[in-house]
């Protein structure tokens, strides 16, 4: 469930995607029509008597099926399960709800890059940074639904860039696509080094990565710094959970092996001598990961 659209998938019990579609997110009146729209869309498209369960991935903290806050949808506290049953008249259907980044992680474990693993941590590096944690195959939401909110760990005390959460120095302020652009602009301002980036009034994180791959010194310094911050955040997670696997998703992860190599360079000095061979992979399900994870919740 996103602020612009809601992606819906129909799966068989083995996790094979049979059908998928999306509907616009109606954020009017604090999103009060969203669950009704989803229920109506499913009822109109699927034989509901064959549905075993429905899973939701929501962009906000979730605890026991209750969304505690969801700015992107206009929601405050909302009991998704109870309200959805008002519009979906088949109460024998199992309904499960979790945070969107958590279900994306679960999706990758279910049918993506994390298949075969049970203890996994995923960083979703997009406009912000989301996180998902699976321990023994189960999603960790935590008491207040903030388990896995890896983007809001305080890791940067140098730049103190503002985060949308109201704090400064969160992981996402220096490792997200937005964060990488912010770091690049700071470098350009603080340095007289030549850089192709100076040709652009505005540029994307992809541009920074492209320039770094071509050897641009400023761009390389920015990617190294962002990778160092991410590696440090990972080290904190490592000493807390010691996961089998780290997965990286979101637009920034499109940098692929180039990104992984930079992360590894900075990660191992933080975790040696305890960790010498940590598995890290790029997510493979793309925008469908959340749907797979929602199906995993039910399964």
C-alpha atoms as a PDB file:
ATOM      1  CA  UNK A   1       0.000   0.000   0.000  1.00  0.00           C
ATOM      2  CA  UNK A   2       1.580   3.263  -1.143  1.00  0.00           C
ATOM      3  CA  UNK A   3       0.654   6.904  -1.130  1.00  0.00           C
ATOM      4  CA  UNK A   4       0.041   6.903  -4.900  1.00  0.00           C
ATOM      5  CA  UNK A   5      -1.134   3.402  -5.702  1.00  0.00           C
ATOM      6  CA  UNK A   6      -1.979   0.084  -4.078  1.00  0.00           C
ATOM      7  CA  UNK A   7      -0.542  -3.050  -5.666  1.00  0.00           C
ATOM      8  CA  UNK A   8      -2.653  -6.176  -5.323  1.00  0.00           C
ATOM      9  CA  UNK A   9      -1.561  -9.707  -6.182  1.00  0.00           C
ATOM     10  CA  UNK A  10      -3.371 -13.039  -6.195  1.00  0.00           C
ATOM     11  CA  UNK A  11      -1.225 -16.037  -5.243  1.00  0.00           C
ATOM     12  CA  UNK A  12      -1.712 -19.758  -4.964  1.00  0.00           C
ATOM     13  CA  UNK A  13      -0.715 -21.467  -1.717  1.00  0.00           C
ATOM     14  CA  UNK A  14       2.734 -22.298  -3.095  1.00  0.00           C
ATOM     15  CA  UNK A  15       3.489 -18.603  -3.563  1.00  0.00           C
ATOM     16  CA  UNK A  16       3.084 -18.447  -7.328  1.00  0.00           C
ATOM     17  CA  UNK A  17       1.760 -15.084  -8.532  1.00  0.00           C
ATOM     18  CA  UNK A  18      -1.344 -15.733 -10.625  1.00  0.00           C
ATOM     19  CA  UNK A  19      -2.621 -12.220 -11.227  1.00  0.00           C
ATOM     20  CA  UNK A  20      -1.761  -8.669 -10.238  1.00  0.00           C
ATOM     21  CA  UNK A  21      -3.249  -5.215 -10.643  1.00  0.00           C
ATOM     22  CA  UNK A  22      -3.229  -1.871  -8.930  1.00  0.00           C
ATOM     23  CA  UNK A  23      -5.687   0.789  -7.883  1.00  0.00           C
ATOM     24  CA  UNK A  24      -5.128   4.472  -7.076  1.00  0.00           C
ATOM     25  CA  UNK A  25      -4.769   5.454  -3.431  1.00  0.00           C
ATOM     26  CA  UNK A  26      -7.618   7.753  -2.426  1.00  0.00           C
ATOM     27  CA  UNK A  27      -6.061   9.872   0.315  1.00  0.00           C
ATOM     28  CA  UNK A  28      -9.067  12.169   0.673  1.00  0.00           C
ATOM     29  CA  UNK A  29     -10.730  12.480   4.089  1.00  0.00           C
ATOM     30  CA  UNK A  30      -7.588  11.073   5.765  1.00  0.00           C
ATOM     31  CA  UNK A  31      -7.686   7.935   3.658  1.00  0.00           C
ATOM     32  CA  UNK A  32     -11.003   6.718   5.011  1.00  0.00           C
ATOM     33  CA  UNK A  33     -11.998   5.058   1.697  1.00  0.00           C
ATOM     34  CA  UNK A  34      -8.775   3.117   1.118  1.00  0.00           C
ATOM     35  CA  UNK A  35      -9.743  -0.190   2.748  1.00  0.00           C
ATOM     36  CA  UNK A  36     -13.201  -0.086   1.189  1.00  0.00           C
ATOM     37  CA  UNK A  37     -11.613   0.472  -2.237  1.00  0.00           C
ATOM     38  CA  UNK A  38      -9.335  -2.535  -1.741  1.00  0.00           C
ATOM     39  CA  UNK A  39     -12.177  -4.772  -0.633  1.00  0.00           C
ATOM     40  CA  UNK A  40     -14.348  -3.681  -3.576  1.00  0.00           C
ATOM     41  CA  UNK A  41     -11.515  -4.254  -6.044  1.00  0.00           C
ATOM     42  CA  UNK A  42     -10.899  -7.796  -4.756  1.00  0.00           C
ATOM     43  CA  UNK A  43     -14.603  -8.690  -4.669  1.00  0.00           C
ATOM     44  CA  UNK A  44     -15.036  -7.497  -8.256  1.00  0.00           C
ATOM     45  CA  UNK A  45     -12.047  -9.445  -9.579  1.00  0.00           C
ATOM     46  CA  UNK A  46     -11.742 -12.661  -7.567  1.00  0.00           C
ATOM     47  CA  UNK A  47     -14.020 -15.492  -6.476  1.00  0.00           C
ATOM     48  CA  UNK A  48     -13.791 -14.568  -2.803  1.00  0.00           C
ATOM     49  CA  UNK A  49     -15.091 -17.962  -1.643  1.00  0.00           C
ATOM     50  CA  UNK A  50     -11.689 -19.406  -2.676  1.00  0.00           C
ATOM     51  CA  UNK A  51      -9.605 -16.872  -0.713  1.00  0.00           C
ATOM     52  CA  UNK A  52      -7.708 -18.366   2.235  1.00  0.00           C
ATOM     53  CA  UNK A  53      -6.262 -15.110   3.468  1.00  0.00           C
ATOM     54  CA  UNK A  54      -5.258 -11.534   2.716  1.00  0.00           C
ATOM     55  CA  UNK A  55      -1.999  -9.858   3.715  1.00  0.00           C
ATOM     56  CA  UNK A  56      -1.313  -6.138   3.891  1.00  0.00           C
ATOM     57  CA  UNK A  57       1.957  -4.230   3.716  1.00  0.00           C
ATOM     58  CA  UNK A  58       1.452  -0.741   5.142  1.00  0.00           C
ATOM     59  CA  UNK A  59       3.909   2.219   5.088  1.00  0.00           C
ATOM     60  CA  UNK A  60       4.035   2.730   8.848  1.00  0.00           C
ATOM     61  CA  UNK A  61       4.565   0.949  12.165  1.00  0.00           C
ATOM     62  CA  UNK A  62       2.174  -1.943  12.870  1.00  0.00           C
ATOM     63  CA  UNK A  63       1.500  -3.821  16.097  1.00  0.00           C
ATOM     64  CA  UNK A  64      -0.906  -6.800  16.278  1.00  0.00           C
ATOM     65  CA  UNK A  65      -2.720  -5.767  13.111  1.00  0.00           C
ATOM     66  CA  UNK A  66      -3.131  -2.170  14.250  1.00  0.00           C
ATOM     67  CA  UNK A  67      -1.437   0.573  12.243  1.00  0.00           C
ATOM     68  CA  UNK A  68      -0.060   3.074  14.756  1.00  0.00           C
ATOM     69  CA  UNK A  69       0.637   5.917  12.339  1.00  0.00           C
ATOM     70  CA  UNK A  70       0.696   6.135   8.561  1.00  0.00           C
ATOM     71  CA  UNK A  71       1.354   9.612   7.193  1.00  0.00           C
ATOM     72  CA  UNK A  72       1.521   8.495   3.534  1.00  0.00           C
ATOM     73  CA  UNK A  73      -2.056   7.204   3.703  1.00  0.00           C
ATOM     74  CA  UNK A  74      -3.411   9.916   5.981  1.00  0.00           C
ATOM     75  CA  UNK A  75      -4.010   7.460   8.811  1.00  0.00           C
ATOM     76  CA  UNK A  76      -3.463   7.817  12.532  1.00  0.00           C
ATOM     77  CA  UNK A  77      -4.110   4.699  14.576  1.00  0.00           C
ATOM     78  CA  UNK A  78      -6.229   2.226  12.609  1.00  0.00           C
ATOM     79  CA  UNK A  79      -7.282  -1.361  13.220  1.00  0.00           C
ATOM     80  CA  UNK A  80      -6.926  -2.594   9.654  1.00  0.00           C
ATOM     81  CA  UNK A  81      -8.254  -6.091  10.356  1.00  0.00           C
ATOM     82  CA  UNK A  82     -11.494  -5.034  12.035  1.00  0.00           C
ATOM     83  CA  UNK A  83     -12.222  -2.237   9.589  1.00  0.00           C
ATOM     84  CA  UNK A  84     -11.505  -4.366   6.531  1.00  0.00           C
ATOM     85  CA  UNK A  85     -13.998  -6.964   7.735  1.00  0.00           C
ATOM     86  CA  UNK A  86     -16.678  -4.248   7.557  1.00  0.00           C
ATOM     87  CA  UNK A  87     -16.252  -4.145   3.774  1.00  0.00           C
ATOM     88  CA  UNK A  88     -15.290  -7.767   3.170  1.00  0.00           C
ATOM     89  CA  UNK A  89     -18.146 -10.000   4.342  1.00  0.00           C
ATOM     90  CA  UNK A  90     -16.192 -13.254   4.780  1.00  0.00           C
ATOM     91  CA  UNK A  91     -14.812 -13.281   8.311  1.00  0.00           C
ATOM     92  CA  UNK A  92     -13.358 -16.772   7.942  1.00  0.00           C
ATOM     93  CA  UNK A  93     -10.641 -15.242   5.748  1.00  0.00           C
ATOM     94  CA  UNK A  94      -7.318 -14.837   7.591  1.00  0.00           C
ATOM     95  CA  UNK A  95      -6.029 -11.255   7.557  1.00  0.00           C
ATOM     96  CA  UNK A  96      -2.463 -10.291   8.442  1.00  0.00           C
ATOM     97  CA  UNK A  97      -0.873  -6.830   8.496  1.00  0.00           C
ATOM     98  CA  UNK A  98       2.734  -5.661   8.755  1.00  0.00           C
ATOM     99  CA  UNK A  99       5.001  -2.796   7.774  1.00  0.00           C
ATOM    100  CA  UNK A 100       5.724  -2.500   4.042  1.00  0.00           C
ATOM    101  CA  UNK A 101       9.510  -2.828   4.366  1.00  0.00           C
ATOM    102  CA  UNK A 102       9.070  -5.876   6.610  1.00  0.00           C
ATOM    103  CA  UNK A 103       6.824  -7.570   4.062  1.00  0.00           C
ATOM    104  CA  UNK A 104       9.269  -6.691   1.276  1.00  0.00           C
ATOM    105  CA  UNK A 105      11.941  -8.534   3.251  1.00  0.00           C
ATOM    106  CA  UNK A 106       9.557 -11.443   3.772  1.00  0.00           C
ATOM    107  CA  UNK A 107       8.795 -11.477   0.047  1.00  0.00           C
ATOM    108  CA  UNK A 108      12.467 -11.780  -0.837  1.00  0.00           C
ATOM    109  CA  UNK A 109      12.785 -14.667   1.620  1.00  0.00           C
ATOM    110  CA  UNK A 110       9.619 -16.271   0.258  1.00  0.00           C
ATOM    111  CA  UNK A 111      10.422 -16.201  -3.457  1.00  0.00           C
ATOM    112  CA  UNK A 112      13.367 -13.859  -4.055  1.00  0.00           C
ATOM    113  CA  UNK A 113      17.048 -13.370  -3.262  1.00  0.00           C
ATOM    114  CA  UNK A 114      16.619 -14.577   0.315  1.00  0.00           C
ATOM    115  CA  UNK A 115      14.937 -17.878  -0.493  1.00  0.00           C
ATOM    116  CA  UNK A 116      16.253 -20.640   1.748  1.00  0.00           C
ATOM    117  CA  UNK A 117      17.226 -18.316   4.604  1.00  0.00           C
ATOM    118  CA  UNK A 118      15.398 -17.731   7.878  1.00  0.00           C
ATOM    119  CA  UNK A 119      17.396 -14.977   9.577  1.00  0.00           C
ATOM    120  CA  UNK A 120      17.533 -12.010   7.240  1.00  0.00           C
ATOM    121  CA  UNK A 121      17.819  -8.230   7.395  1.00  0.00           C
ATOM    122  CA  UNK A 122      16.842  -6.045   4.448  1.00  0.00           C
ATOM    123  CA  UNK A 123      17.657  -2.404   3.792  1.00  0.00           C
ATOM    124  CA  UNK A 124      15.360  -0.731   1.268  1.00  0.00           C
ATOM    125  CA  UNK A 125      17.351   2.191  -0.113  1.00  0.00           C
ATOM    126  CA  UNK A 126      14.935   4.494  -1.899  1.00  0.00           C
ATOM    127  CA  UNK A 127      13.844   8.079  -1.344  1.00  0.00           C
ATOM    128  CA  UNK A 128      14.171   7.148   2.321  1.00  0.00           C
ATOM    129  CA  UNK A 129      15.479   3.987   3.955  1.00  0.00           C
ATOM    130  CA  UNK A 130      13.190   1.201   5.071  1.00  0.00           C
ATOM    131  CA  UNK A 131      14.161  -1.938   6.887  1.00  0.00           C
ATOM    132  CA  UNK A 132      12.841  -5.430   7.387  1.00  0.00           C
ATOM    133  CA  UNK A 133      13.893  -8.140   9.825  1.00  0.00           C
ATOM    134  CA  UNK A 134      13.072 -11.838   9.828  1.00  0.00           C
ATOM    135  CA  UNK A 135      14.183 -14.000  12.747  1.00  0.00           C
ATOM    136  CA  UNK A 136      13.599 -17.732  12.422  1.00  0.00           C
ATOM    137  CA  UNK A 137      11.354 -16.985   9.446  1.00  0.00           C
ATOM    138  CA  UNK A 138       9.109 -14.589  11.371  1.00  0.00           C
ATOM    139  CA  UNK A 139       8.763 -10.856  10.866  1.00  0.00           C
ATOM    140  CA  UNK A 140       9.925  -8.708  13.772  1.00  0.00           C
ATOM    141  CA  UNK A 141       7.512  -5.806  14.289  1.00  0.00           C
ATOM    142  CA  UNK A 142       8.333  -5.114  17.936  1.00  0.00           C
ATOM    143  CA  UNK A 143       6.135  -3.758  20.707  1.00  0.00           C
ATOM    144  CA  UNK A 144       5.340  -0.447  19.029  1.00  0.00           C
ATOM    145  CA  UNK A 145       5.798  -1.568  15.454  1.00  0.00           C
ATOM    146  CA  UNK A 146       9.198   0.079  15.062  1.00  0.00           C
ATOM    147  CA  UNK A 147      11.175  -3.158  14.832  1.00  0.00           C
ATOM    148  CA  UNK A 148      13.081  -2.926  11.566  1.00  0.00           C
ATOM    149  CA  UNK A 149      12.909   0.871  11.255  1.00  0.00           C
ATOM    150  CA  UNK A 150      16.574   0.823  10.307  1.00  0.00           C
ATOM    151  CA  UNK A 151      16.351   4.103   8.429  1.00  0.00           C
ATOM    152  CA  UNK A 152      15.908   5.955  11.706  1.00  0.00           C
ATOM    153  CA  UNK A 153      18.920   4.727  13.624  1.00  0.00           C
ATOM    154  CA  UNK A 154      21.014   7.767  14.577  1.00  0.00           C
ATOM    155  CA  UNK A 155      24.374   7.234  12.878  1.00  0.00           C
ATOM    156  CA  UNK A 156      25.557  10.615  11.565  1.00  0.00           C
ATOM    157  CA  UNK A 157      26.668  13.291  14.013  1.00  0.00           C
ATOM    158  CA  UNK A 158      28.797  15.157  11.475  1.00  0.00           C
ATOM    159  CA  UNK A 159      26.322  16.582   8.966  1.00  0.00           C
ATOM    160  CA  UNK A 160      23.159  16.506  11.105  1.00  0.00           C
ATOM    161  CA  UNK A 161      20.942  16.493   8.034  1.00  0.00           C
ATOM    162  CA  UNK A 162      17.220  16.684   8.848  1.00  0.00           C
ATOM    163  CA  UNK A 163      15.046  13.572   8.535  1.00  0.00           C
ATOM    164  CA  UNK A 164      11.313  13.519   7.839  1.00  0.00           C
ATOM    165  CA  UNK A 165      10.831  11.905  11.244  1.00  0.00           C
ATOM    166  CA  UNK A 166      11.897  15.157  12.930  1.00  0.00           C
ATOM    167  CA  UNK A 167      15.353  14.012  14.058  1.00  0.00           C
ATOM    168  CA  UNK A 168      18.695  14.735  12.409  1.00  0.00           C
ATOM    169  CA  UNK A 169      21.408  12.273  11.449  1.00  0.00           C
ATOM    170  CA  UNK A 170      19.198   9.238  10.735  1.00  0.00           C
ATOM    171  CA  UNK A 171      20.504   6.465   8.495  1.00  0.00           C
ATOM    172  CA  UNK A 172      18.278   7.589   5.649  1.00  0.00           C
ATOM    173  CA  UNK A 173      19.699  11.140   5.658  1.00  0.00           C
ATOM    174  CA  UNK A 174      23.063   9.825   4.405  1.00  0.00           C
ATOM    175  CA  UNK A 175      22.365   6.493   2.674  1.00  0.00           C
ATOM    176  CA  UNK A 176      19.088   6.974   0.783  1.00  0.00           C
ATOM    177  CA  UNK A 177      18.864   8.373  -2.755  1.00  0.00           C
ATOM    178  CA  UNK A 178      18.005  11.724  -1.188  1.00  0.00           C
ATOM    179  CA  UNK A 179      20.867  11.382   1.283  1.00  0.00           C
ATOM    180  CA  UNK A 180      23.414  10.625  -1.438  1.00  0.00           C
ATOM    181  CA  UNK A 181      22.361  13.744  -3.352  1.00  0.00           C
ATOM    182  CA  UNK A 182      22.579  15.798  -0.152  1.00  0.00           C
ATOM    183  CA  UNK A 183      26.089  14.493   0.562  1.00  0.00           C
ATOM    184  CA  UNK A 184      27.145  15.301  -3.000  1.00  0.00           C
ATOM    185  CA  UNK A 185      25.883  18.874  -2.758  1.00  0.00           C
ATOM    186  CA  UNK A 186      27.737  19.332   0.530  1.00  0.00           C
ATOM    187  CA  UNK A 187      30.963  17.995  -1.023  1.00  0.00           C
ATOM    188  CA  UNK A 188      30.628  20.305  -4.021  1.00  0.00           C
ATOM    189  CA  UNK A 189      30.081  23.268  -1.735  1.00  0.00           C
ATOM    190  CA  UNK A 190      32.979  22.443   0.600  1.00  0.00           C
ATOM    191  CA  UNK A 191      35.517  21.537  -2.091  1.00  0.00           C
ATOM    192  CA  UNK A 192      37.097  23.155  -5.154  1.00  0.00           C
ATOM    193  CA  UNK A 193      37.768  19.767  -6.769  1.00  0.00           C
ATOM    194  CA  UNK A 194      36.778  19.373 -10.376  1.00  0.00           C
ATOM    195  CA  UNK A 195      33.657  17.271 -10.863  1.00  0.00           C
ATOM    196  CA  UNK A 196      31.288  16.555 -13.716  1.00  0.00           C
ATOM    197  CA  UNK A 197      28.497  16.975 -11.182  1.00  0.00           C
ATOM    198  CA  UNK A 198      29.135  20.736 -11.235  1.00  0.00           C
ATOM    199  CA  UNK A 199      27.548  20.818 -14.700  1.00  0.00           C
ATOM    200  CA  UNK A 200      24.134  20.094 -13.210  1.00  0.00           C
ATOM    201  CA  UNK A 201      21.906  22.324 -11.087  1.00  0.00           C
ATOM    202  CA  UNK A 202      20.059  19.210  -9.967  1.00  0.00           C
ATOM    203  CA  UNK A 203      21.056  15.579 -10.213  1.00  0.00           C
ATOM    204  CA  UNK A 204      19.958  12.159  -8.967  1.00  0.00           C
ATOM    205  CA  UNK A 205      21.682   9.516  -6.875  1.00  0.00           C
ATOM    206  CA  UNK A 206      21.962   7.458 -10.066  1.00  0.00           C
ATOM    207  CA  UNK A 207      23.949  10.296 -11.628  1.00  0.00           C
ATOM    208  CA  UNK A 208      26.309  10.276  -8.645  1.00  0.00           C
ATOM    209  CA  UNK A 209      26.799   6.515  -9.017  1.00  0.00           C
ATOM    210  CA  UNK A 210      27.348   6.833 -12.782  1.00  0.00           C
ATOM    211  CA  UNK A 211      29.975   9.536 -12.255  1.00  0.00           C
ATOM    212  CA  UNK A 212      31.632   7.485  -9.508  1.00  0.00           C
ATOM    213  CA  UNK A 213      31.910   4.499 -11.840  1.00  0.00           C
ATOM    214  CA  UNK A 214      33.636   6.804 -14.342  1.00  0.00           C
ATOM    215  CA  UNK A 215      36.163   7.881 -11.720  1.00  0.00           C
ATOM    216  CA  UNK A 216      34.803  11.288 -10.767  1.00  0.00           C
ATOM    217  CA  UNK A 217      36.593  12.081  -7.482  1.00  0.00           C
ATOM    218  CA  UNK A 218      33.763  13.949  -5.755  1.00  0.00           C
ATOM    219  CA  UNK A 219      31.225  11.291  -6.747  1.00  0.00           C
ATOM    220  CA  UNK A 220      33.549   8.531  -5.530  1.00  0.00           C
ATOM    221  CA  UNK A 221      34.048  10.259  -2.181  1.00  0.00           C
ATOM    222  CA  UNK A 222      30.268  10.575  -1.765  1.00  0.00           C
ATOM    223  CA  UNK A 223      29.608   6.906  -2.516  1.00  0.00           C
ATOM    224  CA  UNK A 224      32.414   5.855  -0.179  1.00  0.00           C
ATOM    225  CA  UNK A 225      30.950   8.021   2.599  1.00  0.00           C
ATOM    226  CA  UNK A 226      27.410   6.731   2.080  1.00  0.00           C
ATOM    227  CA  UNK A 227      28.686   3.134   1.972  1.00  0.00           C
ATOM    228  CA  UNK A 228      30.605   3.729   5.193  1.00  0.00           C
ATOM    229  CA  UNK A 229      27.500   4.993   6.981  1.00  0.00           C
ATOM    230  CA  UNK A 230      25.485   2.034   5.714  1.00  0.00           C
ATOM    231  CA  UNK A 231      28.217  -0.402   6.753  1.00  0.00           C
ATOM    232  CA  UNK A 232      28.260   1.118  10.226  1.00  0.00           C
ATOM    233  CA  UNK A 233      24.479   0.735  10.522  1.00  0.00           C
ATOM    234  CA  UNK A 234      24.840  -2.875   9.372  1.00  0.00           C
ATOM    235  CA  UNK A 235      27.504  -3.515  11.996  1.00  0.00           C
ATOM    236  CA  UNK A 236      25.111  -2.401  14.744  1.00  0.00           C
ATOM    237  CA  UNK A 237      22.506  -4.801  13.373  1.00  0.00           C
ATOM    238  CA  UNK A 238      25.133  -7.542  13.101  1.00  0.00           C
ATOM    239  CA  UNK A 239      26.079  -7.344  16.760  1.00  0.00           C
ATOM    240  CA  UNK A 240      22.408  -7.346  17.710  1.00  0.00           C
ATOM    241  CA  UNK A 241      20.996 -10.056  15.443  1.00  0.00           C
ATOM    242  CA  UNK A 242      23.891 -11.694  13.568  1.00  0.00           C
ATOM    243  CA  UNK A 243      21.743 -12.399  10.469  1.00  0.00           C
ATOM    244  CA  UNK A 244      22.579 -15.010   7.880  1.00  0.00           C
ATOM    245  CA  UNK A 245      21.969 -12.578   5.048  1.00  0.00           C
ATOM    246  CA  UNK A 246      21.687  -8.866   4.260  1.00  0.00           C
ATOM    247  CA  UNK A 247      19.469  -7.911   1.314  1.00  0.00           C
ATOM    248  CA  UNK A 248      19.510  -4.507  -0.377  1.00  0.00           C
ATOM    249  CA  UNK A 249      16.486  -3.251  -2.299  1.00  0.00           C
ATOM    250  CA  UNK A 250      15.128   0.064  -3.530  1.00  0.00           C
ATOM    251  CA  UNK A 251      16.368   2.281  -6.340  1.00  0.00           C
ATOM    252  CA  UNK A 252      19.873   2.760  -4.900  1.00  0.00           C
ATOM    253  CA  UNK A 253      20.414  -1.019  -4.990  1.00  0.00           C
ATOM    254  CA  UNK A 254      20.312  -0.837  -8.798  1.00  0.00           C
ATOM    255  CA  UNK A 255      24.007   0.049  -8.509  1.00  0.00           C
ATOM    256  CA  UNK A 256      24.441  -3.700  -7.923  1.00  0.00           C
ATOM    257  CA  UNK A 257      27.889  -5.164  -7.314  1.00  0.00           C
ATOM    258  CA  UNK A 258      29.502  -1.717  -7.389  1.00  0.00           C
ATOM    259  CA  UNK A 259      27.471  -0.821  -4.289  1.00  0.00           C
ATOM    260  CA  UNK A 260      28.090  -4.182  -2.592  1.00  0.00           C
ATOM    261  CA  UNK A 261      31.851  -3.887  -3.102  1.00  0.00           C
ATOM    262  CA  UNK A 262      31.889  -0.429  -1.490  1.00  0.00           C
ATOM    263  CA  UNK A 263      29.803  -1.649   1.451  1.00  0.00           C
ATOM    264  CA  UNK A 264      32.034  -4.667   2.069  1.00  0.00           C
ATOM    265  CA  UNK A 265      35.155  -2.482   2.083  1.00  0.00           C
ATOM    266  CA  UNK A 266      33.771  -0.525   5.035  1.00  0.00           C
ATOM    267  CA  UNK A 267      31.757  -3.267   6.737  1.00  0.00           C
ATOM    268  CA  UNK A 268      34.445  -5.788   7.632  1.00  0.00           C
ATOM    269  CA  UNK A 269      36.667  -3.387   9.640  1.00  0.00           C
ATOM    270  CA  UNK A 270      33.623  -2.776  11.863  1.00  0.00           C
ATOM    271  CA  UNK A 271      32.868  -6.454  12.519  1.00  0.00           C
ATOM    272  CA  UNK A 272      36.239  -8.225  12.441  1.00  0.00           C
ATOM    273  CA  UNK A 273      37.440 -10.484  13.981  1.00  0.00           C
ATOM    274  CA  UNK A 274      33.960 -11.864  14.685  1.00  0.00           C
ATOM    275  CA  UNK A 275      32.507 -11.795  11.160  1.00  0.00           C
ATOM    276  CA  UNK A 276      34.684 -12.644   8.184  1.00  0.00           C
ATOM    277  CA  UNK A 277      32.250 -13.804   5.505  1.00  0.00           C
ATOM    278  CA  UNK A 278      28.885 -12.062   5.628  1.00  0.00           C
ATOM    279  CA  UNK A 279      26.455 -12.876   2.811  1.00  0.00           C
ATOM    280  CA  UNK A 280      25.025  -9.802   1.049  1.00  0.00           C
ATOM    281  CA  UNK A 281      22.784  -9.772  -2.028  1.00  0.00           C
ATOM    282  CA  UNK A 282      20.695  -7.420  -4.131  1.00  0.00           C
ATOM    283  CA  UNK A 283      16.908  -7.911  -3.983  1.00  0.00           C
ATOM    284  CA  UNK A 284      15.392  -9.546  -7.054  1.00  0.00           C
ATOM    285  CA  UNK A 285      11.601  -9.062  -6.837  1.00  0.00           C
ATOM    286  CA  UNK A 286      11.551  -5.300  -7.382  1.00  0.00           C
ATOM    287  CA  UNK A 287       8.212  -3.597  -6.761  1.00  0.00           C
ATOM    288  CA  UNK A 288       6.482  -6.984  -6.375  1.00  0.00           C
ATOM    289  CA  UNK A 289       8.388  -7.883  -3.187  1.00  0.00           C
ATOM    290  CA  UNK A 290       5.718  -6.390  -0.929  1.00  0.00           C
ATOM    291  CA  UNK A 291       2.964  -8.448  -2.545  1.00  0.00           C
ATOM    292  CA  UNK A 292       4.975 -11.637  -2.141  1.00  0.00           C
ATOM    293  CA  UNK A 293       5.635 -10.728   1.485  1.00  0.00           C
ATOM    294  CA  UNK A 294       1.972 -10.048   2.148  1.00  0.00           C
ATOM    295  CA  UNK A 295       1.213 -13.528   0.802  1.00  0.00           C
ATOM    296  CA  UNK A 296       3.968 -14.898   3.029  1.00  0.00           C
ATOM    297  CA  UNK A 297       2.267 -13.343   6.062  1.00  0.00           C
ATOM    298  CA  UNK A 298      -0.830 -15.390   5.343  1.00  0.00           C
ATOM    299  CA  UNK A 299       1.064 -18.588   4.522  1.00  0.00           C
END
